[in-house]
Amino acid sequence: MGLMSGTSLDGVDGVLLEWQESTHSGNLVQHDASPSLLSGTRQLKVLQHVFQAFDAEFRAELLSLNTPGDNELHRAALAGNCLARHYAQVVHALLNASGMQANDIQAIGAHGQTVRHRPLEFDADPSHGQPAVGYTLQLNNPALLAELTGIDVVAEFRTRDLAAGGQGAPLVPAFHAEIFGASKHTVAVVNIGGISNISILRSASSLNAASPQIIGFDCGPGNALMDHWVHLHQGTNYDVNGEWAAQGQVIPSLLQRLLGEPFLHQTPPKSTGRDLFNPTWLQQHLHSLHHSQKDLAAVDVQATLCEFTAVAIAQDLKRHAPEAHQLWVCGGGALNGQLMSRLQAHAQGVQVASTDLQGLPPLQVEAAAFAWLAAKAMKRETGSLESVTGARGARVLGAIYPR
């Protein structure tokens, strides 16, 4: 099983993933009217998917813990317990839907809730040859989850990569390569959650000494800023299908300021989060335009934030994979029609489409990735890629909490 609660803070996606030995190869076949995803000798198939939304109070607490505040250690510990209980409810729902028992499940991959991500910062000591490690913090209580479910739990996927000098994120490109990679042409996959991250999966024919076969990195904001702005002005948690953004006009001066963010122009490997792209960052840019809030129509800001996400992704695609003709989109952003339209407008000559067309619905991809990473950890197989995170080498990811 894979459990994912991402930076959008909307809730938990859980999948039950079957990983079987197979003599076939390819990307996608149909089996018993359900999509089966194939790679090499291993056949991957999502048997069930469950989503459980966070209530408003818990979502607000998780959002608050993304920034410094009072009594953080106590609140974070309790939030981890609460999240583990949410996870357990999703696990039991998956078991009930599938008719399986706990002892039928090899392991649960539980990502946890990222509230801080500051890799390779703060603690370098050059005089003693000590490089910076920094930290990444995912709230969770995997021991409690193992206790509540009676299933082995794999968690803390990111910390080993940081210890090896990597960014700790993104960790999904290796899974994307297994599922979406093609032998004859370069494919790109972008996950648009709260933050967007892209995987470039190069074909053998396009490789050269300067181009690793697989790279991946965070592009910048996905839905986080749009979700904040629509909640502030419309009272909803997200802009359904981007309909509100579609009613506004892009503010060119604001868009250019946003696109000037230095992170967007850094060379990968790189990763980010709400530590950077947050309401304070947005307000600073709005104030820098020398306008009062009443001078900017809220709907136009929303249209600009949508454009910002689309342009940032399209620029990275053009910069790092100009030969790609396909961009598969997963995460909640794939359900935002306006965002998908703007992404297609800026990625001319590229097919922009949901991963649905590849047999894996967009809201299942990340959870499936962490089920896959849990399986890798249980077999002591490496799950990270040096070309993605910049670590000193591939590592087995995750700490195992026995049932």
Protein backbone atom coordinates (compact mmCIF):
# COMPACT_ATOMS: atom_id res chain seq x y z
CA MET A 1 0.00 0.00 0.00
CA GLY A 2 1.06 3.57 -0.59
CA LEU A 3 -0.19 6.53 1.43
CA MET A 4 0.44 10.07 0.29
CA SER A 5 -0.59 13.39 1.83
CA GLY A 6 1.08 16.07 -0.23
CA THR A 7 1.78 19.77 -0.01
CA SER A 8 -1.75 20.60 -1.18
CA LEU A 9 -2.89 19.52 2.31
CA ASP A 10 -6.23 18.28 1.02
CA GLY A 11 -6.11 14.78 2.50
CA VAL A 12 -4.74 11.27 2.05
CA ASP A 13 -4.61 9.24 -1.15
CA GLY A 14 -4.12 5.54 -0.57
CA VAL A 15 -3.58 2.81 -3.15
CA LEU A 16 -3.30 -0.95 -3.02
CA LEU A 17 -0.61 -1.93 -5.49
CA GLU A 18 0.08 -5.41 -6.80
CA TRP A 19 3.67 -6.01 -7.88
CA GLN A 20 4.13 -9.34 -9.59
CA GLU A 21 6.85 -11.04 -11.54
CA SER A 22 6.05 -11.04 -15.25
CA THR A 23 7.68 -12.20 -18.46
CA HIS A 24 6.27 -9.23 -20.36
CA SER A 25 7.66 -5.77 -20.94
CA GLY A 26 6.24 -2.50 -22.13
CA ASN A 27 4.25 0.34 -20.66
CA LEU A 28 0.60 -0.57 -20.54
CA VAL A 29 -1.66 -3.56 -21.18
CA GLN A 30 -5.23 -4.38 -20.30
CA HIS A 31 -5.90 -7.30 -17.97
CA ASP A 32 -9.29 -8.25 -16.56
CA ALA A 33 -10.67 -4.84 -17.61
CA SER A 34 -8.18 -3.09 -15.31
CA PRO A 35 -5.03 -1.27 -16.33
CA SER A 36 -1.79 -3.10 -15.60
CA LEU A 37 1.41 -1.15 -15.69
CA LEU A 38 4.43 -3.08 -16.86
CA SER A 39 8.13 -2.45 -16.60
CA GLY A 40 10.84 -4.99 -17.34
CA THR A 41 9.98 -8.15 -15.46
CA ARG A 42 7.71 -6.57 -12.85
CA GLN A 43 4.01 -6.01 -13.37
CA LEU A 44 2.42 -3.18 -11.41
CA LYS A 45 -1.32 -2.94 -10.98
CA VAL A 46 -3.40 -0.60 -8.82
CA LEU A 47 -6.16 -2.69 -7.30
CA GLN A 48 -7.87 -0.04 -5.15
CA HIS A 49 -7.74 3.70 -4.52
CA VAL A 50 -9.19 5.52 -1.52
CA PHE A 51 -9.15 9.23 -0.70
CA GLN A 52 -9.89 10.68 2.73
CA ALA A 53 -10.12 14.45 3.07
CA PHE A 54 -8.71 16.34 6.03
CA ASP A 55 -11.22 18.31 8.05
CA ALA A 56 -10.79 22.07 8.11
CA GLU A 57 -9.31 22.17 11.63
CA PHE A 58 -6.62 19.57 10.94
CA ARG A 59 -5.76 21.12 7.58
CA ALA A 60 -5.36 24.51 9.26
CA GLU A 61 -3.08 23.00 11.91
CA LEU A 62 -0.87 21.33 9.29
CA LEU A 63 -0.69 24.58 7.35
CA SER A 64 0.23 26.48 10.51
CA LEU A 65 3.04 24.01 11.26
CA ASN A 66 4.68 24.94 7.97
CA THR A 67 5.83 28.17 9.61
CA PRO A 68 7.42 28.92 13.01
CA GLY A 69 4.93 29.20 15.85
CA ASP A 70 4.26 28.56 19.52
CA ASN A 71 4.67 25.12 21.08
CA GLU A 72 5.67 23.55 17.77
CA LEU A 73 7.18 20.32 19.12
CA HIS A 74 4.06 19.42 21.10
CA ARG A 75 1.70 20.33 18.28
CA ALA A 76 3.78 18.51 15.66
CA ALA A 77 3.85 15.32 17.72
CA LEU A 78 0.07 15.36 18.15
CA ALA A 79 -0.41 16.14 14.45
CA GLY A 80 1.75 13.10 13.61
CA ASN A 81 -0.46 10.92 15.78
CA CYS A 82 -3.57 12.32 14.13
CA LEU A 83 -2.12 11.74 10.67
CA ALA A 84 -1.27 8.13 11.55
CA ARG A 85 -4.89 7.59 12.54
CA HIS A 86 -6.04 9.07 9.22
CA TYR A 87 -3.61 6.74 7.47
CA ALA A 88 -4.94 3.74 9.40
CA GLN A 89 -8.51 4.58 8.36
CA VAL A 90 -7.42 4.66 4.71
CA VAL A 91 -5.63 1.32 5.12
CA HIS A 92 -8.74 -0.31 6.58
CA ALA A 93 -10.87 1.18 3.80
CA LEU A 94 -8.50 -0.33 1.22
CA LEU A 95 -8.66 -3.70 2.95
CA ASN A 96 -12.47 -3.59 3.09
CA ALA A 97 -12.75 -2.56 -0.57
CA SER A 98 -10.41 -5.31 -1.72
CA GLY A 99 -11.60 -8.08 0.58
CA MET A 100 -8.02 -8.62 1.76
CA GLN A 101 -6.66 -9.11 5.26
CA ALA A 102 -3.73 -7.34 6.89
CA ASN A 103 -1.50 -10.40 6.51
CA ASP A 104 -2.06 -10.27 2.74
CA ILE A 105 -0.17 -6.95 2.58
CA GLN A 106 3.61 -6.95 2.41
CA ALA A 107 4.09 -3.37 3.59
CA ILE A 108 2.68 0.14 3.75
CA GLY A 109 4.69 3.03 2.32
CA ALA A 110 3.66 6.06 4.39
CA HIS A 111 5.22 9.30 3.20
CA GLY A 112 4.10 11.54 6.07
CA GLN A 113 3.18 15.22 5.85
CA THR A 114 5.99 17.55 4.84
CA VAL A 115 6.00 20.70 6.96
CA ARG A 116 9.63 21.82 6.48
CA HIS A 117 12.12 21.11 3.70
CA ARG A 118 15.55 22.73 4.03
CA PRO A 119 18.10 20.37 2.48
CA LEU A 120 21.84 21.09 2.43
CA GLU A 121 21.54 24.13 4.73
CA PHE A 122 22.73 25.39 8.11
CA ASP A 123 25.21 22.87 9.50
CA ALA A 124 28.30 22.87 7.28
CA ASP A 125 31.72 22.95 8.95
CA PRO A 126 34.34 23.37 6.17
CA SER A 127 37.21 23.40 8.65
CA HIS A 128 36.41 19.79 9.56
CA GLY A 129 35.34 18.72 6.08
CA GLN A 130 31.70 18.54 7.17
CA PRO A 131 29.24 19.38 4.39
CA ALA A 132 25.81 20.81 5.13
CA VAL A 133 23.02 18.26 5.56
CA GLY A 134 20.06 20.40 6.57
CA TYR A 135 16.80 18.64 7.18
CA THR A 136 13.47 17.60 5.80
CA LEU A 137 10.58 17.04 8.19
CA GLN A 138 7.57 14.84 7.50
CA LEU A 139 5.06 14.56 10.34
CA ASN A 140 4.04 10.96 10.96
CA ASN A 141 3.93 8.22 13.58
CA PRO A 142 4.77 5.06 11.63
CA ALA A 143 5.05 2.98 14.82
CA LEU A 144 1.46 3.89 15.68
CA LEU A 145 0.38 3.10 12.12
CA ALA A 146 1.97 -0.37 12.35
CA GLU A 147 0.20 -0.90 15.67
CA LEU A 148 -3.18 0.19 14.30
CA THR A 149 -2.98 -1.88 11.11
CA GLY A 150 -0.91 -4.95 11.91
CA ILE A 151 1.14 -4.35 8.74
CA ASP A 152 4.84 -3.52 8.29
CA VAL A 153 5.27 0.21 7.66
CA VAL A 154 8.04 1.89 5.67
CA ALA A 155 8.45 5.62 6.35
CA GLU A 156 11.11 8.36 6.48
CA PHE A 157 11.99 7.95 2.82
CA ARG A 158 13.77 11.27 2.38
CA THR A 159 16.27 11.40 5.25
CA ARG A 160 18.75 8.79 3.94
CA ASP A 161 19.16 10.69 0.69
CA LEU A 162 19.90 13.88 2.66
CA ALA A 163 22.44 12.00 4.74
CA ALA A 164 24.16 11.01 1.48
CA GLY A 165 24.40 14.65 0.39
CA GLY A 166 21.20 14.75 -1.67
CA GLN A 167 18.15 16.97 -1.78
CA GLY A 168 15.84 14.23 -0.48
CA ALA A 169 13.39 15.21 -3.21
CA PRO A 170 11.85 14.54 -5.56
CA LEU A 171 11.82 10.77 -5.07
CA VAL A 172 9.26 9.86 -7.73
CA PRO A 173 11.38 10.09 -10.94
CA ALA A 174 12.66 6.51 -10.60
CA PHE A 175 9.05 5.32 -10.38
CA HIS A 176 8.03 7.56 -13.28
CA ALA A 177 10.79 5.93 -15.35
CA GLU A 178 9.46 2.46 -14.50
CA ILE A 179 5.93 3.39 -15.50
CA PHE A 180 6.06 6.10 -18.14
CA GLY A 181 9.51 5.76 -19.72
CA ALA A 182 9.67 5.03 -23.44
CA SER A 183 12.54 3.46 -25.33
CA LYS A 184 12.29 5.51 -28.54
CA HIS A 185 11.63 9.07 -27.40
CA THR A 186 12.03 11.39 -24.44
CA VAL A 187 9.05 11.72 -22.11
CA ALA A 188 8.44 14.24 -19.34
CA VAL A 189 6.18 13.73 -16.34
CA VAL A 190 5.11 16.58 -14.10
CA ASN A 191 3.40 16.18 -10.77
CA ILE A 192 1.42 19.28 -9.85
CA GLY A 193 0.59 19.15 -6.16
CA GLY A 194 1.16 22.07 -3.82
CA ILE A 195 4.61 22.24 -5.41
CA SER A 196 5.29 20.99 -8.94
CA ASN A 197 8.10 18.60 -9.79
CA ILE A 198 9.17 17.28 -13.17
CA SER A 199 10.84 14.07 -14.34
CA ILE A 200 12.75 13.98 -17.63
CA LEU A 201 12.96 10.43 -18.98
CA ARG A 202 15.33 10.40 -21.91
CA SER A 203 15.36 7.75 -24.60
CA ALA A 204 18.56 5.90 -25.37
CA SER A 205 18.80 7.64 -28.75
CA SER A 206 18.88 11.13 -27.17
CA LEU A 207 21.54 10.42 -24.56
CA ASN A 208 24.91 12.10 -24.51
CA ALA A 209 27.71 12.41 -22.00
CA ALA A 210 26.23 15.56 -20.51
CA SER A 211 22.66 14.25 -20.22
CA PRO A 212 21.75 11.59 -17.64
CA GLN A 213 18.97 9.29 -18.73
CA ILE A 214 16.74 10.37 -15.84
CA ILE A 215 16.67 13.74 -14.09
CA GLY A 216 14.04 15.31 -11.90
CA PHE A 217 13.62 18.41 -9.76
CA ASP A 218 11.09 20.80 -8.30
CA CYS A 219 9.90 23.42 -10.79
CA GLY A 220 8.34 25.78 -8.26
CA PRO A 221 4.75 26.30 -7.09
CA GLY A 222 1.98 24.02 -8.21
CA ASN A 223 -1.36 24.61 -6.53
CA ALA A 224 -0.15 26.03 -3.20
CA LEU A 225 -0.39 29.73 -4.03
CA MET A 226 -3.59 29.36 -6.06
CA ASP A 227 -5.21 27.40 -3.23
CA HIS A 228 -4.20 30.05 -0.70
CA TRP A 229 -5.55 32.90 -2.82
CA VAL A 230 -8.88 31.28 -3.65
CA HIS A 231 -9.40 30.35 0.00
CA LEU A 232 -8.64 33.91 1.05
CA HIS A 233 -11.03 35.49 -1.44
CA GLN A 234 -13.64 32.83 -2.23
CA GLY A 235 -13.63 30.70 0.90
CA THR A 236 -13.01 27.44 -0.95
CA ASN A 237 -10.02 25.12 -0.58
CA TYR A 238 -9.21 25.16 -4.29
CA ASP A 239 -10.28 26.71 -7.58
CA VAL A 240 -12.52 24.04 -9.11
CA ASN A 241 -11.30 23.36 -12.66
CA GLY A 242 -9.57 26.74 -12.57
CA GLU A 243 -12.90 28.43 -13.31
CA TRP A 244 -12.19 31.47 -11.18
CA ALA A 245 -8.72 31.95 -12.69
CA ALA A 246 -10.26 31.68 -16.16
CA GLN A 247 -12.40 34.75 -15.42
CA GLY A 248 -9.41 36.98 -14.72
CA GLN A 249 -6.70 38.69 -16.74
CA VAL A 250 -3.00 38.03 -16.23
CA ILE A 251 -1.13 40.96 -14.64
CA PRO A 252 2.09 41.13 -16.70
CA SER A 253 4.12 43.11 -14.15
CA LEU A 254 3.23 40.67 -11.37
CA LEU A 255 3.96 37.64 -13.55
CA GLN A 256 7.41 38.95 -14.40
CA ARG A 257 8.20 39.58 -10.74
CA LEU A 258 7.14 36.06 -9.81
CA LEU A 259 9.17 34.56 -12.64
CA GLY A 260 12.22 36.43 -11.39
CA GLU A 261 12.39 34.21 -8.29
CA PRO A 262 16.03 32.97 -8.13
CA PHE A 263 15.02 29.39 -7.34
CA LEU A 264 13.45 29.04 -10.77
CA HIS A 265 16.80 29.78 -12.41
CA GLN A 266 18.96 27.50 -10.29
CA THR A 267 20.56 24.50 -11.94
CA PRO A 268 19.24 21.12 -10.72
CA PRO A 269 19.41 19.20 -8.51
CA LYS A 270 17.05 21.38 -6.51
CA SER A 271 13.95 21.06 -4.39
CA THR A 272 11.70 23.41 -2.49
CA GLY A 273 8.41 23.66 -0.63
CA ARG A 274 6.15 25.97 1.31
CA ASP A 275 9.30 27.19 3.08
CA LEU A 276 9.74 29.39 0.00
CA PHE A 277 6.46 29.56 -1.92
CA ASN A 278 4.06 30.71 0.77
CA PRO A 279 1.61 33.58 1.44
CA THR A 280 4.37 35.82 2.85
CA TRP A 281 6.43 35.39 -0.34
CA LEU A 282 3.37 36.26 -2.44
CA GLN A 283 2.50 39.32 -0.36
CA GLN A 284 6.03 40.64 -0.72
CA HIS A 285 5.69 40.52 -4.50
CA LEU A 286 2.26 42.12 -4.43
CA HIS A 287 3.51 44.96 -2.23
CA SER A 288 6.55 45.45 -4.42
CA LEU A 289 4.28 46.53 -7.25
CA HIS A 290 3.51 49.68 -5.25
CA HIS A 291 -0.18 48.94 -5.39
CA SER A 292 -2.56 48.62 -2.52
CA GLN A 293 -4.57 45.42 -2.42
CA LYS A 294 -7.64 47.25 -3.72
CA ASP A 295 -5.73 48.21 -6.88
CA LEU A 296 -5.37 44.56 -7.92
CA ALA A 297 -8.49 42.57 -8.67
CA ALA A 298 -8.35 39.31 -6.75
CA VAL A 299 -9.49 37.35 -9.78
CA ASP A 300 -6.64 38.81 -11.85
CA VAL A 301 -4.11 37.73 -9.21
CA GLN A 302 -5.57 34.23 -9.40
CA ALA A 303 -5.23 34.23 -13.19
CA THR A 304 -1.61 35.36 -12.79
CA LEU A 305 -0.81 32.63 -10.26
CA CYS A 306 -2.23 30.03 -12.64
CA GLU A 307 -0.11 31.46 -15.44
CA PHE A 308 2.94 31.49 -13.19
CA THR A 309 2.67 27.76 -12.47
CA ALA A 310 2.17 26.94 -16.15
CA VAL A 311 5.03 29.13 -17.41
CA ALA A 312 7.49 27.85 -14.78
CA ILE A 313 6.82 24.24 -15.81
CA ALA A 314 6.92 24.99 -19.53
CA GLN A 315 10.19 26.87 -19.21
CA ASP A 316 11.81 23.95 -17.40
CA LEU A 317 10.53 21.55 -20.05
CA LYS A 318 12.01 23.68 -22.83
CA ARG A 319 15.28 24.22 -20.95
CA HIS A 320 15.91 20.60 -19.96
CA ALA A 321 14.03 18.48 -22.50
CA PRO A 322 13.46 20.45 -25.72
CA GLU A 323 13.23 17.16 -27.62
CA ALA A 324 10.26 15.89 -25.58
CA HIS A 325 6.97 15.61 -27.43
CA GLN A 326 4.87 14.36 -24.49
CA LEU A 327 4.22 15.78 -21.05
CA TRP A 328 2.17 13.55 -18.77
CA VAL A 329 0.56 15.43 -15.88
CA CYS A 330 -0.39 13.96 -12.51
CA GLY A 331 -1.44 15.33 -9.14
CA GLY A 332 -4.38 17.61 -8.46
CA GLY A 333 -3.22 20.09 -11.08
CA ALA A 334 -4.18 17.59 -13.78
CA LEU A 335 -7.82 18.21 -12.81
CA ASN A 336 -7.51 21.98 -13.24
CA GLY A 337 -8.74 22.60 -16.78
CA GLN A 338 -7.52 26.19 -16.93
CA LEU A 339 -4.05 25.24 -15.73
CA MET A 340 -3.84 22.39 -18.25
CA SER A 341 -4.95 24.77 -21.01
CA ARG A 342 -2.32 27.35 -20.10
CA LEU A 343 0.36 24.67 -19.83
CA GLN A 344 -0.52 23.45 -23.31
CA ALA A 345 -0.40 27.03 -24.62
CA HIS A 346 3.15 27.47 -23.34
CA ALA A 347 4.37 24.01 -24.36
CA GLN A 348 3.64 24.24 -28.05
CA GLY A 349 4.43 21.15 -30.07
CA VAL A 350 4.17 18.99 -26.95
CA GLN A 351 1.24 16.73 -26.12
CA VAL A 352 0.07 17.76 -22.64
CA ALA A 353 -2.24 15.18 -21.11
CA SER A 354 -3.22 13.53 -17.85
CA THR A 355 -1.53 10.26 -16.88
CA ASP A 356 -5.01 8.77 -17.29
CA LEU A 357 -3.98 8.17 -20.90
CA GLN A 358 -1.15 5.98 -19.63
CA GLY A 359 -3.46 3.90 -17.45
CA LEU A 360 -2.73 5.50 -14.10
CA PRO A 361 -5.15 8.22 -12.89
CA PRO A 362 -3.37 11.41 -11.76
CA LEU A 363 -4.44 11.18 -8.12
CA GLN A 364 -2.98 7.68 -7.80
CA VAL A 365 0.53 8.27 -9.10
CA GLU A 366 2.31 9.59 -6.00
CA ALA A 367 0.69 7.09 -3.63
CA ALA A 368 1.63 4.30 -6.03
CA ALA A 369 5.20 5.63 -6.09
CA PHE A 370 5.53 5.28 -2.33
CA ALA A 371 4.01 1.79 -2.40
CA TRP A 372 6.69 0.97 -4.98
CA LEU A 373 9.41 2.56 -2.84
CA ALA A 374 8.21 0.56 0.17
CA ALA A 375 8.51 -2.64 -1.86
CA LYS A 376 12.03 -1.61 -2.86
CA ALA A 377 12.95 -0.99 0.78
CA MET A 378 11.58 -4.36 1.90
CA LYS A 379 13.79 -6.03 -0.72
CA ARG A 380 16.76 -3.77 0.21
CA GLU A 381 16.82 -2.34 -3.30
CA THR A 382 17.83 1.26 -3.94
CA GLY A 383 15.06 3.72 -4.73
CA SER A 384 16.88 7.01 -5.29
CA LEU A 385 18.83 8.33 -8.25
CA GLU A 386 22.06 10.32 -7.97
CA SER A 387 21.17 12.16 -11.18
CA VAL A 388 17.98 13.45 -9.54
CA THR A 389 18.87 14.38 -5.97
CA GLY A 390 22.62 14.94 -6.28
CA ALA A 391 23.42 12.43 -3.55
CA ARG A 392 26.71 10.54 -3.51
CA GLY A 393 24.94 7.49 -4.91
CA ALA A 394 21.72 5.51 -4.93
CA ARG A 395 20.47 4.47 -1.50
CA VAL A 396 17.88 2.16 0.00
CA LEU A 397 15.20 4.60 1.19
CA GLY A 398 12.98 4.27 4.22
CA ALA A 399 12.95 3.02 7.80
CA ILE A 400 10.98 -0.17 8.44
CA TYR A 401 8.58 -0.42 11.39
CA PRO A 402 7.59 -4.09 11.82
CA ARG A 403 4.00 -5.03 12.42
